[in-house]
């Protein structure tokens, strides 16, 4: 994985189409090696979460090309490489497992990030009727060891509509995203035990993903 970090570091300092075209063969190798690694991880995830189905890395890996149409930053390329492993691949609206490789900023994560209103309501309804089950998931020993708690980014200040304000487990309904993350150092990324560490982290978020996907796939509105 060291050559992947090295490439992304160089790209960060030379984020131009000219440099990228000159180094296209190197990027092709980086992309192929990353996808081979992701395929290994998918095979491990399928041992404890077969809901991924016949997923392949090419369905999960995000493009390195940035959409700059509405951005002040016109850099043409991302300085990271990532994959979202979920039923349906990177375009899935469900919960899944995310791997992000970026020099100094690598991490593994999962869940559902900023779902649309209908999906978010389904998640909150599932939690509303099953608060003890959801709380037990986010208080599991392994979950806490890797992730600590759910991300509180953009957490609501007031209770969401459609739910009674005196609901005793309201803290569980205040999230806009139901996601968790675990940082990886550059040393972690290049270590021989990288695949095992990632797999263990993903295993620790399995029950969260199963709960969220059950909510998303429900017929409740």
N, C-alpha and C. Protein backbone atom coordinates (compact mmCIF):
# COMPACT_ATOMS: atom_id res chain seq x y z
N UNK A 1 0.82 -1.21 0.00
CA UNK A 1 0.00 0.00 0.00
C UNK A 1 0.86 1.27 0.00
N UNK A 2 2.15 1.11 0.28
CA UNK A 2 3.01 2.29 0.35
C UNK A 2 3.02 3.06 -0.97
N UNK A 3 3.05 2.34 -2.08
CA UNK A 3 3.09 3.03 -3.37
C UNK A 3 1.79 3.79 -3.64
N UNK A 4 0.69 3.35 -3.03
CA UNK A 4 -0.57 4.08 -3.17
C UNK A 4 -0.49 5.40 -2.41
N UNK A 5 0.02 5.36 -1.17
CA UNK A 5 0.21 6.58 -0.40
C UNK A 5 1.18 7.52 -1.11
N UNK A 6 2.25 6.96 -1.66
CA UNK A 6 3.26 7.79 -2.35
C UNK A 6 2.64 8.48 -3.57
N UNK A 7 1.84 7.75 -4.32
CA UNK A 7 1.20 8.33 -5.49
C UNK A 7 0.25 9.47 -5.09
N UNK A 8 -0.55 9.23 -4.05
CA UNK A 8 -1.50 10.25 -3.61
C UNK A 8 -0.79 11.48 -3.05
N UNK A 9 0.33 11.27 -2.41
CA UNK A 9 1.14 12.39 -1.91
C UNK A 9 1.65 13.24 -3.06
N UNK A 10 2.18 12.56 -4.08
CA UNK A 10 2.69 13.28 -5.26
C UNK A 10 1.55 13.99 -6.00
N UNK A 11 0.39 13.34 -6.08
CA UNK A 11 -0.75 13.94 -6.75
C UNK A 11 -1.21 15.20 -6.01
N UNK A 12 -1.15 15.17 -4.69
CA UNK A 12 -1.55 16.33 -3.90
C UNK A 12 -0.68 17.55 -4.21
N UNK A 13 0.58 17.31 -4.55
CA UNK A 13 1.49 18.41 -4.87
C UNK A 13 1.50 18.77 -6.35
N UNK A 14 0.86 17.92 -7.17
CA UNK A 14 0.88 18.12 -8.62
C UNK A 14 -0.50 17.84 -9.21
N UNK A 15 -1.51 18.52 -8.66
CA UNK A 15 -2.88 18.21 -9.03
C UNK A 15 -3.26 18.94 -10.33
N UNK A 16 -2.67 18.45 -11.43
CA UNK A 16 -2.94 19.01 -12.75
C UNK A 16 -3.18 17.89 -13.74
N UNK A 17 -3.90 18.20 -14.80
CA UNK A 17 -4.15 17.18 -15.82
C UNK A 17 -2.86 16.75 -16.50
N UNK A 18 -1.94 17.72 -16.67
CA UNK A 18 -0.68 17.41 -17.35
C UNK A 18 0.12 16.38 -16.55
N UNK A 19 0.25 16.60 -15.25
CA UNK A 19 1.00 15.66 -14.42
C UNK A 19 0.30 14.31 -14.38
N UNK A 20 -1.04 14.32 -14.26
CA UNK A 20 -1.77 13.06 -14.16
C UNK A 20 -1.61 12.24 -15.43
N UNK A 21 -1.70 12.90 -16.58
CA UNK A 21 -1.55 12.17 -17.85
C UNK A 21 -0.16 11.56 -17.98
N UNK A 22 0.86 12.29 -17.52
CA UNK A 22 2.22 11.78 -17.56
C UNK A 22 2.39 10.56 -16.65
N UNK A 23 1.60 10.51 -15.59
CA UNK A 23 1.71 9.43 -14.61
C UNK A 23 0.53 8.46 -14.66
N UNK A 24 -0.19 8.47 -15.77
CA UNK A 24 -1.36 7.60 -15.93
C UNK A 24 -1.03 6.12 -15.73
N UNK A 25 0.10 5.62 -16.26
CA UNK A 25 0.42 4.20 -16.03
C UNK A 25 0.57 3.88 -14.54
N UNK A 26 1.15 4.81 -13.79
CA UNK A 26 1.31 4.60 -12.36
C UNK A 26 -0.04 4.58 -11.67
N UNK A 27 -0.94 5.50 -12.08
CA UNK A 27 -2.27 5.51 -11.50
C UNK A 27 -3.02 4.20 -11.81
N UNK A 28 -2.85 3.71 -13.03
CA UNK A 28 -3.52 2.46 -13.41
C UNK A 28 -3.10 1.31 -12.49
N UNK A 29 -1.83 1.28 -12.12
CA UNK A 29 -1.35 0.24 -11.20
C UNK A 29 -1.92 0.46 -9.80
N UNK A 30 -1.93 1.72 -9.36
CA UNK A 30 -2.50 2.04 -8.04
C UNK A 30 -3.96 1.61 -7.98
N UNK A 31 -4.73 1.95 -9.01
CA UNK A 31 -6.15 1.60 -9.04
C UNK A 31 -6.34 0.08 -9.02
N UNK A 32 -5.55 -0.63 -9.84
CA UNK A 32 -5.67 -2.09 -9.90
C UNK A 32 -5.30 -2.73 -8.57
N UNK A 33 -4.24 -2.26 -7.94
CA UNK A 33 -3.82 -2.82 -6.66
C UNK A 33 -4.83 -2.52 -5.56
N UNK A 34 -5.39 -1.32 -5.58
CA UNK A 34 -6.41 -0.97 -4.59
C UNK A 34 -7.63 -1.86 -4.77
N UNK A 35 -8.07 -2.06 -6.00
CA UNK A 35 -9.25 -2.88 -6.25
C UNK A 35 -9.00 -4.34 -5.87
N UNK A 36 -7.78 -4.83 -6.08
CA UNK A 36 -7.46 -6.19 -5.65
C UNK A 36 -7.57 -6.30 -4.13
N UNK A 37 -7.09 -5.28 -3.44
CA UNK A 37 -7.18 -5.26 -1.98
C UNK A 37 -8.64 -5.21 -1.53
N UNK A 38 -9.43 -4.37 -2.18
CA UNK A 38 -10.85 -4.26 -1.83
C UNK A 38 -11.57 -5.59 -2.06
N UNK A 39 -11.22 -6.29 -3.13
CA UNK A 39 -11.83 -7.60 -3.37
C UNK A 39 -11.50 -8.58 -2.24
N UNK A 40 -10.29 -8.48 -1.70
CA UNK A 40 -9.93 -9.32 -0.56
C UNK A 40 -10.79 -8.97 0.65
N UNK A 41 -10.98 -7.68 0.87
CA UNK A 41 -11.78 -7.24 2.01
C UNK A 41 -13.24 -7.66 1.83
N UNK A 42 -13.76 -7.53 0.62
CA UNK A 42 -15.15 -7.95 0.35
C UNK A 42 -15.33 -9.43 0.69
N UNK A 43 -14.36 -10.24 0.29
CA UNK A 43 -14.44 -11.68 0.57
C UNK A 43 -14.49 -11.94 2.07
N UNK A 44 -13.76 -11.15 2.84
CA UNK A 44 -13.77 -11.31 4.30
C UNK A 44 -15.10 -10.83 4.88
N UNK A 45 -15.62 -9.72 4.38
CA UNK A 45 -16.90 -9.21 4.88
C UNK A 45 -18.01 -10.22 4.62
N UNK A 46 -17.98 -10.86 3.46
CA UNK A 46 -19.04 -11.79 3.09
C UNK A 46 -19.11 -12.99 4.04
N UNK A 47 -18.03 -13.22 4.80
CA UNK A 47 -18.04 -14.31 5.78
C UNK A 47 -19.00 -14.01 6.93
N UNK A 48 -19.14 -12.71 7.29
CA UNK A 48 -20.04 -12.37 8.39
C UNK A 48 -21.22 -11.52 7.95
N UNK A 49 -21.21 -11.04 6.70
CA UNK A 49 -22.35 -10.28 6.17
C UNK A 49 -22.57 -10.65 4.71
N UNK A 50 -23.24 -11.78 4.48
CA UNK A 50 -23.46 -12.24 3.10
C UNK A 50 -24.42 -11.37 2.30
N UNK A 51 -25.01 -10.35 2.93
CA UNK A 51 -25.96 -9.50 2.21
C UNK A 51 -25.29 -8.70 1.10
N UNK A 52 -23.96 -8.62 1.09
CA UNK A 52 -23.26 -7.91 0.02
C UNK A 52 -23.47 -8.59 -1.33
N UNK A 53 -23.79 -9.86 -1.30
CA UNK A 53 -24.02 -10.56 -2.56
C UNK A 53 -22.73 -10.72 -3.36
N UNK A 54 -22.87 -10.71 -4.67
CA UNK A 54 -21.71 -10.93 -5.56
C UNK A 54 -21.04 -9.60 -5.89
N UNK A 55 -20.76 -8.83 -4.90
CA UNK A 55 -20.16 -7.51 -5.07
C UNK A 55 -18.72 -7.61 -5.52
N UNK A 56 -18.30 -6.68 -6.39
CA UNK A 56 -16.92 -6.62 -6.84
C UNK A 56 -16.37 -5.21 -6.61
N UNK A 57 -15.04 -5.13 -6.47
CA UNK A 57 -14.40 -3.85 -6.16
C UNK A 57 -14.73 -2.78 -7.19
N UNK A 58 -14.84 -3.14 -8.44
CA UNK A 58 -15.11 -2.14 -9.48
C UNK A 58 -16.47 -1.48 -9.29
N UNK A 59 -17.37 -2.16 -8.58
CA UNK A 59 -18.68 -1.59 -8.30
C UNK A 59 -18.65 -0.66 -7.09
N UNK A 60 -17.57 -0.73 -6.31
CA UNK A 60 -17.49 -0.01 -5.03
C UNK A 60 -16.55 1.18 -5.06
N UNK A 61 -15.54 1.13 -5.94
CA UNK A 61 -14.48 2.14 -5.91
C UNK A 61 -14.93 3.44 -6.55
N UNK A 62 -14.66 4.54 -5.88
CA UNK A 62 -15.04 5.86 -6.38
C UNK A 62 -14.02 6.36 -7.42
N UNK A 63 -14.52 7.12 -8.37
CA UNK A 63 -13.66 7.74 -9.37
C UNK A 63 -12.73 8.75 -8.73
N UNK A 64 -11.54 8.87 -9.29
CA UNK A 64 -10.57 9.83 -8.75
C UNK A 64 -10.80 11.24 -9.32
N UNK A 65 -11.64 11.31 -10.34
CA UNK A 65 -11.91 12.60 -10.99
C UNK A 65 -12.94 13.39 -10.19
N UNK A 66 -12.64 14.62 -9.86
CA UNK A 66 -13.54 15.47 -9.09
C UNK A 66 -14.58 16.14 -9.99
N UNK A 67 -15.77 16.34 -9.44
CA UNK A 67 -16.79 17.15 -10.11
C UNK A 67 -16.58 18.58 -9.63
N UNK A 68 -16.03 19.41 -10.49
CA UNK A 68 -15.65 20.78 -10.08
C UNK A 68 -16.67 21.83 -10.52
N UNK A 69 -17.80 21.38 -11.05
CA UNK A 69 -18.76 22.34 -11.63
C UNK A 69 -19.25 23.36 -10.61
N UNK A 70 -19.46 22.93 -9.38
CA UNK A 70 -20.02 23.84 -8.38
C UNK A 70 -19.05 24.07 -7.22
N UNK A 71 -17.78 23.89 -7.48
CA UNK A 71 -16.78 24.02 -6.43
C UNK A 71 -15.82 25.16 -6.72
N UNK A 72 -15.43 25.88 -5.66
CA UNK A 72 -14.41 26.92 -5.81
C UNK A 72 -13.05 26.29 -6.08
N UNK A 73 -12.84 25.09 -5.54
CA UNK A 73 -11.59 24.36 -5.76
C UNK A 73 -11.68 23.64 -7.10
N UNK A 74 -10.89 24.07 -8.05
CA UNK A 74 -10.95 23.49 -9.40
C UNK A 74 -9.90 22.39 -9.62
N UNK A 75 -9.30 21.90 -8.53
CA UNK A 75 -8.35 20.79 -8.68
C UNK A 75 -9.08 19.61 -9.33
N UNK A 76 -8.51 19.06 -10.40
CA UNK A 76 -9.27 18.06 -11.16
C UNK A 76 -9.35 16.67 -10.53
N UNK A 77 -8.48 16.39 -9.53
CA UNK A 77 -8.43 15.03 -9.00
C UNK A 77 -8.56 15.00 -7.48
N UNK A 78 -9.19 13.96 -6.98
CA UNK A 78 -9.21 13.72 -5.54
C UNK A 78 -7.82 13.27 -5.10
N UNK A 79 -7.48 13.57 -3.87
CA UNK A 79 -6.19 13.14 -3.34
C UNK A 79 -6.38 11.97 -2.39
N UNK A 80 -7.45 11.22 -2.60
CA UNK A 80 -7.72 10.00 -1.84
C UNK A 80 -8.28 8.95 -2.79
N UNK A 81 -8.32 7.74 -2.30
CA UNK A 81 -8.97 6.66 -3.04
C UNK A 81 -9.84 5.91 -2.05
N UNK A 82 -11.07 5.63 -2.44
CA UNK A 82 -12.00 5.04 -1.49
C UNK A 82 -12.96 4.06 -2.13
N UNK A 83 -13.58 3.26 -1.29
CA UNK A 83 -14.56 2.28 -1.77
C UNK A 83 -15.67 2.12 -0.74
N UNK A 84 -16.91 2.08 -1.21
CA UNK A 84 -18.08 1.86 -0.35
C UNK A 84 -18.63 0.48 -0.67
N UNK A 85 -18.48 -0.43 0.29
CA UNK A 85 -18.88 -1.82 0.10
C UNK A 85 -20.26 -2.05 0.70
N UNK A 86 -21.24 -2.06 -0.16
CA UNK A 86 -22.63 -2.22 0.27
C UNK A 86 -23.39 -2.93 -0.85
N UNK A 87 -24.53 -3.48 -0.52
CA UNK A 87 -25.38 -4.10 -1.53
C UNK A 87 -25.73 -3.05 -2.58
N UNK A 88 -25.30 -3.25 -3.81
CA UNK A 88 -25.52 -2.26 -4.85
C UNK A 88 -24.30 -1.40 -5.13
N UNK A 89 -23.24 -1.56 -4.33
CA UNK A 89 -22.00 -0.83 -4.60
C UNK A 89 -22.01 0.61 -4.13
N UNK A 90 -21.13 1.41 -4.73
CA UNK A 90 -20.91 2.78 -4.25
C UNK A 90 -22.14 3.67 -4.39
N UNK A 91 -23.09 3.32 -5.23
CA UNK A 91 -24.29 4.13 -5.41
C UNK A 91 -25.44 3.69 -4.51
N UNK A 92 -25.16 2.75 -3.63
CA UNK A 92 -26.19 2.23 -2.76
C UNK A 92 -26.77 3.31 -1.86
N UNK A 93 -28.09 3.24 -1.63
CA UNK A 93 -28.74 4.15 -0.69
C UNK A 93 -28.79 3.54 0.71
N UNK A 94 -28.25 2.33 0.83
CA UNK A 94 -28.28 1.63 2.10
C UNK A 94 -27.03 1.83 2.92
N UNK A 95 -26.93 1.05 3.97
CA UNK A 95 -25.80 1.12 4.89
C UNK A 95 -24.71 0.17 4.44
N UNK A 96 -23.45 0.55 4.67
CA UNK A 96 -22.36 -0.30 4.21
C UNK A 96 -21.05 0.01 4.90
N UNK A 97 -19.98 -0.47 4.27
CA UNK A 97 -18.63 -0.40 4.83
C UNK A 97 -17.76 0.47 3.91
N UNK A 98 -17.07 1.44 4.50
CA UNK A 98 -16.30 2.39 3.69
C UNK A 98 -14.82 2.35 4.06
N UNK A 99 -13.98 2.31 3.04
CA UNK A 99 -12.52 2.37 3.21
C UNK A 99 -11.99 3.58 2.48
N UNK A 100 -11.22 4.41 3.19
CA UNK A 100 -10.70 5.67 2.66
C UNK A 100 -9.20 5.69 2.88
N UNK A 101 -8.44 5.78 1.78
CA UNK A 101 -6.98 5.86 1.87
C UNK A 101 -6.53 7.24 1.41
N UNK A 102 -5.87 7.96 2.29
CA UNK A 102 -5.38 9.31 2.01
C UNK A 102 -4.22 9.58 2.97
N UNK A 103 -3.09 10.04 2.48
CA UNK A 103 -1.94 10.28 3.37
C UNK A 103 -2.32 11.13 4.57
N UNK A 104 -2.12 10.58 5.76
CA UNK A 104 -2.41 11.29 6.99
C UNK A 104 -3.88 11.36 7.37
N UNK A 105 -4.78 10.86 6.52
CA UNK A 105 -6.22 10.99 6.77
C UNK A 105 -6.99 9.71 6.46
N UNK A 106 -6.33 8.58 6.46
CA UNK A 106 -7.01 7.33 6.13
C UNK A 106 -7.94 6.91 7.27
N UNK A 107 -9.02 6.22 6.91
CA UNK A 107 -9.94 5.71 7.94
C UNK A 107 -10.85 4.64 7.35
N UNK A 108 -11.44 3.89 8.25
CA UNK A 108 -12.54 2.99 7.87
C UNK A 108 -13.80 3.53 8.54
N UNK A 109 -14.91 3.35 7.89
CA UNK A 109 -16.16 3.85 8.43
C UNK A 109 -17.33 3.05 7.89
N UNK A 110 -18.51 3.46 8.29
CA UNK A 110 -19.68 2.76 7.80
C UNK A 110 -20.96 3.40 8.28
N UNK A 111 -22.06 2.82 7.82
CA UNK A 111 -23.38 3.36 8.14
C UNK A 111 -23.98 4.07 6.95
N UNK A 112 -24.85 5.04 7.23
CA UNK A 112 -25.51 5.82 6.18
C UNK A 112 -25.23 7.30 6.43
N UNK A 113 -24.60 7.94 5.45
CA UNK A 113 -24.23 9.35 5.59
C UNK A 113 -25.28 10.25 4.94
N UNK A 114 -25.82 11.17 5.70
CA UNK A 114 -26.78 12.17 5.23
C UNK A 114 -27.86 11.58 4.32
N UNK A 115 -28.64 10.63 4.83
CA UNK A 115 -29.72 10.07 4.02
C UNK A 115 -30.79 11.11 3.72
N UNK A 116 -31.54 10.88 2.66
CA UNK A 116 -32.65 11.76 2.32
C UNK A 116 -33.74 11.68 3.38
N UNK A 117 -34.69 12.62 3.35
CA UNK A 117 -35.74 12.68 4.38
C UNK A 117 -36.52 11.39 4.57
N UNK A 118 -36.89 10.72 3.48
CA UNK A 118 -37.69 9.50 3.61
C UNK A 118 -36.91 8.39 4.27
N UNK A 119 -35.64 8.23 3.86
CA UNK A 119 -34.79 7.19 4.44
C UNK A 119 -34.50 7.49 5.90
N UNK A 120 -34.22 8.75 6.20
CA UNK A 120 -33.93 9.14 7.58
C UNK A 120 -35.14 8.87 8.48
N UNK A 121 -36.33 9.14 7.97
CA UNK A 121 -37.53 8.89 8.76
C UNK A 121 -37.70 7.39 9.02
N UNK A 122 -37.41 6.57 8.04
CA UNK A 122 -37.49 5.12 8.23
C UNK A 122 -36.53 4.66 9.32
N UNK A 123 -35.31 5.21 9.30
CA UNK A 123 -34.32 4.82 10.31
C UNK A 123 -34.81 5.23 11.70
N UNK A 124 -35.28 6.46 11.81
CA UNK A 124 -35.75 6.94 13.11
C UNK A 124 -36.95 6.14 13.60
N UNK A 125 -37.84 5.75 12.67
CA UNK A 125 -38.99 4.94 13.09
C UNK A 125 -38.55 3.58 13.60
N UNK A 126 -37.57 2.97 12.92
CA UNK A 126 -37.08 1.67 13.36
C UNK A 126 -36.46 1.78 14.75
N UNK A 127 -35.71 2.84 14.98
CA UNK A 127 -35.11 3.06 16.30
C UNK A 127 -36.19 3.36 17.34
N UNK A 128 -37.18 4.16 16.95
CA UNK A 128 -38.27 4.55 17.85
C UNK A 128 -38.97 3.32 18.44
N UNK A 129 -39.20 2.31 17.60
CA UNK A 129 -39.89 1.11 18.05
C UNK A 129 -38.95 0.07 18.67
N UNK A 130 -37.63 0.25 18.46
CA UNK A 130 -36.66 -0.73 18.97
C UNK A 130 -35.45 -0.03 19.60
N UNK A 131 -35.67 0.88 20.54
CA UNK A 131 -34.55 1.64 21.09
C UNK A 131 -33.53 0.79 21.83
N UNK A 132 -33.99 -0.20 22.56
CA UNK A 132 -33.07 -1.03 23.34
C UNK A 132 -32.13 -1.81 22.41
N UNK A 133 -32.70 -2.32 21.31
CA UNK A 133 -31.88 -3.09 20.36
C UNK A 133 -30.82 -2.19 19.72
N UNK A 134 -31.22 -0.97 19.34
CA UNK A 134 -30.26 -0.07 18.70
C UNK A 134 -29.19 0.38 19.71
N UNK A 135 -29.62 0.70 20.92
CA UNK A 135 -28.64 1.15 21.91
C UNK A 135 -27.63 0.05 22.23
N UNK A 136 -28.10 -1.18 22.27
CA UNK A 136 -27.19 -2.29 22.57
C UNK A 136 -26.13 -2.44 21.47
N UNK A 137 -26.50 -2.10 20.23
CA UNK A 137 -25.56 -2.19 19.11
C UNK A 137 -24.45 -1.15 19.26
N UNK A 138 -24.83 0.09 19.53
CA UNK A 138 -23.83 1.16 19.59
C UNK A 138 -23.09 1.19 20.94
N UNK A 139 -23.51 0.30 21.85
CA UNK A 139 -22.78 0.18 23.11
C UNK A 139 -22.04 -1.15 23.21
N UNK A 140 -22.01 -1.91 22.11
CA UNK A 140 -21.25 -3.16 22.10
C UNK A 140 -19.78 -2.90 22.37
N UNK A 141 -19.14 -3.84 23.03
CA UNK A 141 -17.73 -3.69 23.40
C UNK A 141 -16.84 -3.46 22.18
N UNK A 142 -17.00 -4.29 21.15
CA UNK A 142 -16.15 -4.15 19.96
C UNK A 142 -16.46 -2.87 19.19
N UNK A 143 -17.73 -2.50 19.14
CA UNK A 143 -18.09 -1.25 18.47
C UNK A 143 -17.40 -0.08 19.15
N UNK A 144 -17.47 -0.06 20.46
CA UNK A 144 -16.85 1.04 21.21
C UNK A 144 -15.32 1.02 21.11
N UNK A 145 -14.76 -0.15 21.02
CA UNK A 145 -13.30 -0.26 20.93
C UNK A 145 -12.79 0.39 19.65
N UNK A 146 -13.51 0.20 18.55
CA UNK A 146 -13.07 0.76 17.28
C UNK A 146 -13.59 2.18 17.04
N UNK A 147 -14.84 2.43 17.38
CA UNK A 147 -15.50 3.66 16.93
C UNK A 147 -15.87 4.64 18.06
N UNK A 148 -15.90 4.13 19.27
CA UNK A 148 -16.27 5.00 20.39
C UNK A 148 -17.77 5.26 20.43
N UNK A 149 -18.27 5.97 19.44
CA UNK A 149 -19.69 6.27 19.36
C UNK A 149 -20.01 6.70 17.93
N UNK A 150 -21.28 6.91 17.66
CA UNK A 150 -21.68 7.42 16.35
C UNK A 150 -21.17 8.84 16.16
N UNK A 151 -20.90 9.21 14.92
CA UNK A 151 -20.48 10.58 14.63
C UNK A 151 -21.61 11.56 14.96
N UNK A 152 -21.25 12.65 15.61
CA UNK A 152 -22.26 13.65 15.98
C UNK A 152 -22.25 14.85 15.04
N UNK A 153 -21.67 14.68 13.86
CA UNK A 153 -21.64 15.76 12.86
C UNK A 153 -23.07 16.17 12.50
N UNK A 154 -23.34 17.48 12.53
CA UNK A 154 -24.64 18.04 12.17
C UNK A 154 -25.80 17.46 12.98
N UNK A 155 -25.52 17.10 14.21
CA UNK A 155 -26.58 16.55 15.07
C UNK A 155 -27.64 17.62 15.34
N UNK A 156 -28.89 17.20 15.41
CA UNK A 156 -29.99 18.14 15.66
C UNK A 156 -29.87 18.79 17.04
N UNK A 157 -30.34 20.02 17.11
CA UNK A 157 -30.39 20.73 18.39
C UNK A 157 -31.75 20.52 19.07
N UNK A 158 -32.78 20.25 18.25
CA UNK A 158 -34.12 20.04 18.78
C UNK A 158 -34.67 18.71 18.26
N UNK A 159 -35.60 18.10 18.98
CA UNK A 159 -36.16 16.81 18.55
C UNK A 159 -36.76 16.89 17.15
N UNK A 160 -36.63 15.83 16.36
CA UNK A 160 -37.20 15.84 15.01
C UNK A 160 -38.72 15.83 15.03
N UNK A 161 -39.31 16.37 13.98
CA UNK A 161 -40.77 16.35 13.87
C UNK A 161 -41.26 14.91 13.76
N UNK A 162 -42.53 14.74 13.99
CA UNK A 162 -43.20 13.44 13.86
C UNK A 162 -42.90 12.48 15.00
N UNK A 163 -42.14 12.95 16.02
CA UNK A 163 -41.85 12.10 17.17
C UNK A 163 -42.14 12.90 18.44
N UNK A 164 -42.75 12.26 19.42
CA UNK A 164 -43.10 12.99 20.65
C UNK A 164 -41.85 13.52 21.36
N UNK A 165 -41.89 14.76 21.78
CA UNK A 165 -40.73 15.41 22.37
C UNK A 165 -40.30 14.77 23.68
N UNK A 166 -41.24 14.06 24.34
CA UNK A 166 -40.91 13.43 25.63
C UNK A 166 -40.48 11.97 25.48
N UNK A 167 -40.21 11.55 24.25
CA UNK A 167 -39.74 10.19 24.02
C UNK A 167 -38.46 9.96 24.83
N UNK A 168 -38.41 8.91 25.67
CA UNK A 168 -37.28 8.74 26.60
C UNK A 168 -35.93 8.47 25.94
N UNK A 169 -35.93 7.96 24.71
CA UNK A 169 -34.67 7.66 24.01
C UNK A 169 -34.43 8.65 22.87
N UNK A 170 -34.84 9.88 23.08
CA UNK A 170 -34.74 10.89 22.04
C UNK A 170 -33.30 11.09 21.55
N UNK A 171 -32.32 10.86 22.41
CA UNK A 171 -30.93 11.03 21.99
C UNK A 171 -30.58 10.17 20.79
N UNK A 172 -31.28 9.06 20.62
CA UNK A 172 -31.00 8.15 19.50
C UNK A 172 -31.59 8.65 18.18
N UNK A 173 -32.52 9.60 18.26
CA UNK A 173 -33.20 10.10 17.06
C UNK A 173 -32.63 11.43 16.57
N UNK A 174 -31.63 11.94 17.22
CA UNK A 174 -31.14 13.29 16.94
C UNK A 174 -30.06 13.35 15.86
N UNK A 175 -29.68 12.22 15.32
CA UNK A 175 -28.64 12.20 14.30
C UNK A 175 -29.21 12.49 12.91
N UNK A 176 -28.44 13.20 12.10
CA UNK A 176 -28.77 13.37 10.68
C UNK A 176 -28.10 12.30 9.84
N UNK A 177 -26.96 11.81 10.33
CA UNK A 177 -26.26 10.69 9.72
C UNK A 177 -26.08 9.62 10.79
N UNK A 178 -26.17 8.37 10.38
CA UNK A 178 -25.90 7.26 11.30
C UNK A 178 -24.63 6.58 10.82
N UNK A 179 -23.50 7.18 11.19
CA UNK A 179 -22.20 6.72 10.71
C UNK A 179 -21.20 6.63 11.86
N UNK A 180 -20.16 5.84 11.64
CA UNK A 180 -19.07 5.72 12.60
C UNK A 180 -17.76 5.65 11.82
N UNK A 181 -16.65 5.96 12.48
CA UNK A 181 -15.37 5.96 11.80
C UNK A 181 -14.23 5.62 12.74
N UNK A 182 -13.17 5.07 12.15
CA UNK A 182 -11.96 4.71 12.90
C UNK A 182 -10.74 5.09 12.06
N UNK A 183 -9.91 5.97 12.61
CA UNK A 183 -8.75 6.48 11.87
C UNK A 183 -7.67 5.41 11.70
N UNK A 184 -6.98 5.50 10.57
CA UNK A 184 -5.83 4.63 10.29
C UNK A 184 -4.62 5.52 10.04
N UNK A 185 -3.54 5.26 10.74
CA UNK A 185 -2.31 6.02 10.49
C UNK A 185 -1.66 5.51 9.21
N UNK A 186 -0.74 6.29 8.68
CA UNK A 186 0.00 5.83 7.50
C UNK A 186 0.73 4.53 7.81
N UNK A 187 1.20 4.40 9.04
CA UNK A 187 1.88 3.17 9.45
C UNK A 187 0.92 1.99 9.43
N UNK A 188 -0.33 2.22 9.87
CA UNK A 188 -1.35 1.17 9.79
C UNK A 188 -1.55 0.73 8.34
N UNK A 189 -1.63 1.72 7.45
CA UNK A 189 -1.94 1.43 6.04
C UNK A 189 -0.87 0.56 5.39
N UNK A 190 0.39 0.76 5.74
CA UNK A 190 1.47 0.00 5.08
C UNK A 190 1.85 -1.25 5.86
N UNK A 191 1.21 -1.49 7.00
CA UNK A 191 1.58 -2.65 7.83
C UNK A 191 1.04 -3.94 7.25
N UNK A 192 1.74 -5.06 7.51
CA UNK A 192 1.27 -6.37 7.02
C UNK A 192 -0.11 -6.76 7.56
N UNK A 193 -0.48 -6.22 8.73
CA UNK A 193 -1.76 -6.59 9.34
C UNK A 193 -2.92 -5.70 8.94
N UNK A 194 -2.73 -4.88 7.90
CA UNK A 194 -3.75 -3.91 7.48
C UNK A 194 -5.09 -4.59 7.17
N UNK A 195 -5.08 -5.64 6.39
CA UNK A 195 -6.34 -6.29 6.00
C UNK A 195 -7.08 -6.83 7.20
N UNK A 196 -6.35 -7.40 8.14
CA UNK A 196 -6.98 -7.95 9.34
C UNK A 196 -7.60 -6.87 10.21
N UNK A 197 -6.90 -5.77 10.34
CA UNK A 197 -7.41 -4.67 11.17
C UNK A 197 -8.68 -4.10 10.56
N UNK A 198 -8.69 -3.90 9.24
CA UNK A 198 -9.87 -3.38 8.56
C UNK A 198 -11.04 -4.34 8.71
N UNK A 199 -10.77 -5.63 8.52
CA UNK A 199 -11.83 -6.63 8.63
C UNK A 199 -12.42 -6.65 10.03
N UNK A 200 -11.57 -6.55 11.05
CA UNK A 200 -12.07 -6.55 12.43
C UNK A 200 -12.94 -5.32 12.70
N UNK A 201 -12.53 -4.18 12.16
CA UNK A 201 -13.34 -2.97 12.33
C UNK A 201 -14.69 -3.12 11.64
N UNK A 202 -14.68 -3.65 10.43
CA UNK A 202 -15.93 -3.85 9.70
C UNK A 202 -16.83 -4.87 10.42
N UNK A 203 -16.23 -5.89 10.99
CA UNK A 203 -17.03 -6.87 11.73
C UNK A 203 -17.72 -6.21 12.91
N UNK A 204 -17.03 -5.25 13.53
CA UNK A 204 -17.59 -4.56 14.69
C UNK A 204 -18.77 -3.66 14.33
N UNK A 205 -18.89 -3.27 13.05
CA UNK A 205 -20.02 -2.43 12.64
C UNK A 205 -21.11 -3.24 11.91
N UNK A 206 -20.94 -4.53 11.84
CA UNK A 206 -21.89 -5.39 11.14
C UNK A 206 -23.32 -5.19 11.65
N UNK A 207 -23.51 -5.25 12.96
CA UNK A 207 -24.87 -5.17 13.50
C UNK A 207 -25.51 -3.80 13.25
N UNK A 208 -24.69 -2.76 13.25
CA UNK A 208 -25.21 -1.43 12.91
C UNK A 208 -25.74 -1.43 11.48
N UNK A 209 -24.95 -1.96 10.55
CA UNK A 209 -25.38 -2.00 9.15
C UNK A 209 -26.63 -2.85 8.96
N UNK A 210 -26.69 -3.99 9.65
CA UNK A 210 -27.87 -4.86 9.52
C UNK A 210 -29.12 -4.14 10.02
N UNK A 211 -29.00 -3.43 11.14
CA UNK A 211 -30.14 -2.71 11.70
C UNK A 211 -30.60 -1.61 10.75
N UNK A 212 -29.65 -0.82 10.26
CA UNK A 212 -29.99 0.29 9.38
C UNK A 212 -30.59 -0.20 8.06
N UNK A 213 -30.03 -1.27 7.52
CA UNK A 213 -30.56 -1.78 6.25
C UNK A 213 -31.95 -2.38 6.42
N UNK A 214 -32.20 -2.98 7.56
CA UNK A 214 -33.55 -3.47 7.83
C UNK A 214 -34.54 -2.32 7.81
N UNK A 215 -34.11 -1.17 8.40
CA UNK A 215 -34.98 0.02 8.41
C UNK A 215 -35.20 0.56 7.01
N UNK A 216 -34.11 0.69 6.26
CA UNK A 216 -34.18 1.27 4.91
C UNK A 216 -35.05 0.42 3.98
N UNK A 217 -34.97 -0.89 4.15
CA UNK A 217 -35.69 -1.80 3.25
C UNK A 217 -37.12 -2.08 3.70
N UNK A 218 -37.51 -1.47 4.82
CA UNK A 218 -38.87 -1.70 5.31
C UNK A 218 -39.88 -0.92 4.47
N UNK A 219 -41.14 -1.29 4.60
CA UNK A 219 -42.20 -0.60 3.83
C UNK A 219 -42.77 0.59 4.60
N UNK A 220 -42.31 0.78 5.83
CA UNK A 220 -42.85 1.88 6.62
C UNK A 220 -42.46 3.20 5.99
N UNK A 221 -43.32 4.22 6.06
CA UNK A 221 -43.03 5.52 5.46
C UNK A 221 -43.14 6.62 6.44
